[in-house]
Every structure is written in C-alpha cells, then in structure tokens.
Amino acid sequence: MDRLAQSRLKWKCRRGLLELDLVLQDFVEKRLQEEDLTVFNELLALEDNDLWDILSGRSDRYEARFGGIVARLRAV
C-alpha cells in the first residue's frame, strides 16, 4: 500500500471512540496486509459501538468473513 492510500485509510479509522482510534490506527500502521483491505474497509462500515464491542471481545456477533481480521485486531 502506498503512503497516500495508508494516510487515507488512517483518516477513515478516526472514529468517535478514542480506544477504537488507537486500535485501528495501530493495526493499519503495523499489521494490515494488502489482502486485508477489502474486508477491513467493510468492517469499518460498522457503527462505532458495535465495532468496539467486537474488538474488545464483548461481542462475537459478526460475519464469519471478519473472523481472521477480528482476531488480529483483538491482539493489538
């Protein structure tokens, strides 16, 4: 991913919850792989509270296709 695309994705990761911002931006900087981009962008379409519940482990109610990336995000 080029620098401009990464900057745009980081901007898209800015959310209403600071905790979510920190996890998502760290993931983009250190762990995101090119093959994850489509699924990651779809995951970002979720509402902030729903996404935080998933990433913090409070909820396991998400589509199976998000499983791998959710596991890696939870490890951040």
N, C-alpha and C. Protein backbone atom coordinates (compact mmCIF):
# COMPACT_ATOMS: atom_id res chain seq x y z
N MET A 1 0.86 -1.16 0.00
CA MET A 1 0.00 0.00 0.00
C MET A 1 0.91 1.23 0.00
N ASP A 2 0.59 2.17 -0.87
CA ASP A 2 1.42 3.38 -0.92
C ASP A 2 1.09 4.32 0.24
N ARG A 3 1.91 5.31 0.41
CA ARG A 3 1.79 6.23 1.55
C ARG A 3 0.47 6.99 1.55
N LEU A 4 0.02 7.43 0.37
CA LEU A 4 -1.24 8.18 0.27
C LEU A 4 -2.43 7.29 0.66
N ALA A 5 -2.45 6.07 0.16
CA ALA A 5 -3.53 5.14 0.49
C ALA A 5 -3.54 4.84 1.99
N GLN A 6 -2.37 4.69 2.58
CA GLN A 6 -2.29 4.43 4.01
C GLN A 6 -2.79 5.64 4.81
N SER A 7 -2.44 6.83 4.37
CA SER A 7 -2.92 8.04 5.05
C SER A 7 -4.44 8.16 4.98
N ARG A 8 -4.99 7.85 3.83
CA ARG A 8 -6.45 7.89 3.68
C ARG A 8 -7.13 6.86 4.57
N LEU A 9 -6.54 5.68 4.64
CA LEU A 9 -7.12 4.64 5.48
C LEU A 9 -7.02 5.02 6.96
N LYS A 10 -5.92 5.62 7.36
CA LYS A 10 -5.79 6.08 8.75
C LYS A 10 -6.85 7.13 9.06
N TRP A 11 -7.12 8.00 8.11
CA TRP A 11 -8.14 9.02 8.32
C TRP A 11 -9.51 8.35 8.49
N LYS A 12 -9.75 7.32 7.70
CA LYS A 12 -11.02 6.58 7.79
C LYS A 12 -11.15 5.86 9.14
N CYS A 13 -10.03 5.57 9.76
CA CYS A 13 -10.02 4.88 11.06
C CYS A 13 -10.29 5.83 12.22
N ARG A 14 -10.32 7.12 11.97
CA ARG A 14 -10.62 8.08 13.04
C ARG A 14 -12.09 7.98 13.35
N ARG A 15 -12.38 7.62 14.58
CA ARG A 15 -13.75 7.35 14.98
C ARG A 15 -14.14 8.22 16.16
N GLY A 16 -15.33 7.98 16.69
CA GLY A 16 -15.81 8.74 17.83
C GLY A 16 -15.29 8.24 19.17
N LEU A 17 -14.70 7.08 19.17
CA LEU A 17 -14.16 6.49 20.41
C LEU A 17 -12.63 6.45 20.33
N LEU A 18 -11.98 7.09 21.28
CA LEU A 18 -10.52 7.14 21.29
C LEU A 18 -9.91 5.75 21.28
N GLU A 19 -10.46 4.84 22.07
CA GLU A 19 -9.92 3.48 22.14
C GLU A 19 -9.94 2.82 20.76
N LEU A 20 -11.03 3.03 20.04
CA LEU A 20 -11.17 2.46 18.71
C LEU A 20 -10.15 3.08 17.76
N ASP A 21 -9.98 4.40 17.85
CA ASP A 21 -8.97 5.09 17.03
C ASP A 21 -7.60 4.47 17.23
N LEU A 22 -7.23 4.28 18.48
CA LEU A 22 -5.90 3.77 18.79
C LEU A 22 -5.67 2.36 18.25
N VAL A 23 -6.64 1.50 18.44
CA VAL A 23 -6.51 0.12 17.96
C VAL A 23 -6.45 0.08 16.44
N LEU A 24 -7.36 0.78 15.79
CA LEU A 24 -7.43 0.74 14.32
C LEU A 24 -6.19 1.35 13.69
N GLN A 25 -5.73 2.47 14.19
CA GLN A 25 -4.56 3.11 13.58
C GLN A 25 -3.29 2.30 13.82
N ASP A 26 -3.16 1.70 14.98
CA ASP A 26 -2.01 0.83 15.23
C ASP A 26 -2.03 -0.36 14.28
N PHE A 27 -3.21 -0.91 14.07
CA PHE A 27 -3.35 -2.05 13.16
C PHE A 27 -2.94 -1.66 11.75
N VAL A 28 -3.40 -0.51 11.28
CA VAL A 28 -3.08 -0.05 9.92
C VAL A 28 -1.57 0.15 9.78
N GLU A 29 -0.95 0.72 10.78
CA GLU A 29 0.49 1.00 10.72
C GLU A 29 1.36 -0.24 10.78
N LYS A 30 0.95 -1.24 11.56
CA LYS A 30 1.85 -2.36 11.84
C LYS A 30 1.43 -3.73 11.33
N ARG A 31 0.13 -3.96 11.14
CA ARG A 31 -0.31 -5.32 10.88
C ARG A 31 -1.16 -5.53 9.62
N LEU A 32 -1.68 -4.47 9.06
CA LEU A 32 -2.57 -4.60 7.90
C LEU A 32 -1.79 -5.08 6.69
N GLN A 33 -2.36 -6.05 6.01
CA GLN A 33 -1.75 -6.59 4.79
C GLN A 33 -2.65 -6.23 3.61
N GLU A 34 -2.05 -6.17 2.43
CA GLU A 34 -2.78 -5.79 1.22
C GLU A 34 -4.06 -6.63 1.03
N GLU A 35 -3.96 -7.92 1.29
CA GLU A 35 -5.11 -8.80 1.07
C GLU A 35 -6.24 -8.55 2.07
N ASP A 36 -5.98 -7.79 3.13
CA ASP A 36 -6.99 -7.48 4.14
C ASP A 36 -7.83 -6.25 3.80
N LEU A 37 -7.42 -5.47 2.82
CA LEU A 37 -8.02 -4.16 2.59
C LEU A 37 -9.53 -4.20 2.38
N THR A 38 -10.02 -5.09 1.56
CA THR A 38 -11.45 -5.14 1.27
C THR A 38 -12.25 -5.47 2.52
N VAL A 39 -11.86 -6.51 3.22
CA VAL A 39 -12.58 -6.92 4.43
C VAL A 39 -12.45 -5.85 5.52
N PHE A 40 -11.28 -5.26 5.65
CA PHE A 40 -11.06 -4.23 6.65
C PHE A 40 -11.97 -3.03 6.39
N ASN A 41 -12.06 -2.60 5.15
CA ASN A 41 -12.95 -1.49 4.80
C ASN A 41 -14.41 -1.81 5.09
N GLU A 42 -14.81 -3.05 4.86
CA GLU A 42 -16.19 -3.46 5.17
C GLU A 42 -16.42 -3.46 6.68
N LEU A 43 -15.42 -3.87 7.43
CA LEU A 43 -15.51 -3.86 8.89
C LEU A 43 -15.64 -2.42 9.41
N LEU A 44 -14.95 -1.49 8.77
CA LEU A 44 -15.03 -0.09 9.17
C LEU A 44 -16.41 0.52 8.93
N ALA A 45 -17.24 -0.15 8.16
CA ALA A 45 -18.59 0.35 7.90
C ALA A 45 -19.52 0.14 9.10
N LEU A 46 -19.10 -0.68 10.06
CA LEU A 46 -19.92 -0.91 11.25
C LEU A 46 -19.97 0.34 12.13
N GLU A 47 -21.03 0.45 12.90
CA GLU A 47 -21.16 1.55 13.85
C GLU A 47 -20.06 1.44 14.91
N ASP A 48 -19.62 2.58 15.43
CA ASP A 48 -18.52 2.62 16.40
C ASP A 48 -18.74 1.69 17.59
N ASN A 49 -19.89 1.77 18.22
CA ASN A 49 -20.13 0.95 19.41
C ASN A 49 -20.15 -0.53 19.08
N ASP A 50 -20.74 -0.90 17.96
CA ASP A 50 -20.76 -2.31 17.54
C ASP A 50 -19.34 -2.80 17.26
N LEU A 51 -18.57 -1.98 16.57
CA LEU A 51 -17.20 -2.35 16.24
C LEU A 51 -16.35 -2.48 17.51
N TRP A 52 -16.51 -1.55 18.44
CA TRP A 52 -15.75 -1.63 19.69
C TRP A 52 -16.13 -2.87 20.49
N ASP A 53 -17.42 -3.20 20.54
CA ASP A 53 -17.85 -4.40 21.25
C ASP A 53 -17.19 -5.65 20.66
N ILE A 54 -17.08 -5.69 19.35
CA ILE A 54 -16.45 -6.83 18.68
C ILE A 54 -14.96 -6.87 18.99
N LEU A 55 -14.29 -5.74 18.83
CA LEU A 55 -12.84 -5.72 19.02
C LEU A 55 -12.42 -5.91 20.46
N SER A 56 -13.25 -5.47 21.39
CA SER A 56 -12.92 -5.63 22.81
C SER A 56 -13.31 -7.01 23.34
N GLY A 57 -13.98 -7.81 22.53
CA GLY A 57 -14.35 -9.16 22.94
C GLY A 57 -15.69 -9.24 23.65
N ARG A 58 -16.40 -8.14 23.73
CA ARG A 58 -17.72 -8.15 24.38
C ARG A 58 -18.79 -8.79 23.50
N SER A 59 -18.51 -8.87 22.21
CA SER A 59 -19.48 -9.44 21.28
C SER A 59 -18.77 -10.34 20.28
N ASP A 60 -19.40 -11.45 19.97
CA ASP A 60 -18.91 -12.34 18.92
C ASP A 60 -19.91 -12.38 17.77
N ARG A 61 -20.76 -11.36 17.70
CA ARG A 61 -21.79 -11.29 16.67
C ARG A 61 -21.27 -10.50 15.47
N TYR A 62 -20.56 -11.21 14.61
CA TYR A 62 -20.06 -10.62 13.37
C TYR A 62 -19.99 -11.71 12.32
N GLU A 63 -19.93 -11.28 11.07
CA GLU A 63 -19.91 -12.23 9.97
C GLU A 63 -18.61 -13.04 9.99
N ALA A 64 -18.71 -14.28 9.57
CA ALA A 64 -17.57 -15.19 9.61
C ALA A 64 -16.39 -14.67 8.79
N ARG A 65 -16.65 -13.93 7.73
CA ARG A 65 -15.56 -13.44 6.88
C ARG A 65 -14.68 -12.43 7.62
N PHE A 66 -15.17 -11.87 8.72
CA PHE A 66 -14.39 -10.93 9.51
C PHE A 66 -13.52 -11.64 10.55
N GLY A 67 -13.69 -12.93 10.70
CA GLY A 67 -13.04 -13.68 11.78
C GLY A 67 -11.55 -13.50 11.89
N GLY A 68 -10.83 -13.66 10.79
CA GLY A 68 -9.37 -13.55 10.82
C GLY A 68 -8.88 -12.17 11.21
N ILE A 69 -9.47 -11.17 10.61
CA ILE A 69 -9.04 -9.80 10.89
C ILE A 69 -9.45 -9.36 12.29
N VAL A 70 -10.60 -9.83 12.76
CA VAL A 70 -11.03 -9.51 14.13
C VAL A 70 -10.05 -10.11 15.13
N ALA A 71 -9.62 -11.34 14.89
CA ALA A 71 -8.67 -11.98 15.78
C ALA A 71 -7.35 -11.19 15.84
N ARG A 72 -6.90 -10.72 14.71
CA ARG A 72 -5.66 -9.93 14.67
C ARG A 72 -5.86 -8.56 15.31
N LEU A 73 -7.02 -7.96 15.13
CA LEU A 73 -7.31 -6.67 15.77
C LEU A 73 -7.40 -6.82 17.28
N ARG A 74 -7.96 -7.91 17.76
CA ARG A 74 -8.06 -8.14 19.20
C ARG A 74 -6.69 -8.33 19.82
N ALA A 75 -5.70 -8.75 19.03
CA ALA A 75 -4.35 -8.97 19.54
C ALA A 75 -3.55 -7.67 19.64
N VAL A 76 -4.10 -6.58 19.11
CA VAL A 76 -3.35 -5.30 19.12
C VAL A 76 -3.20 -4.80 20.52
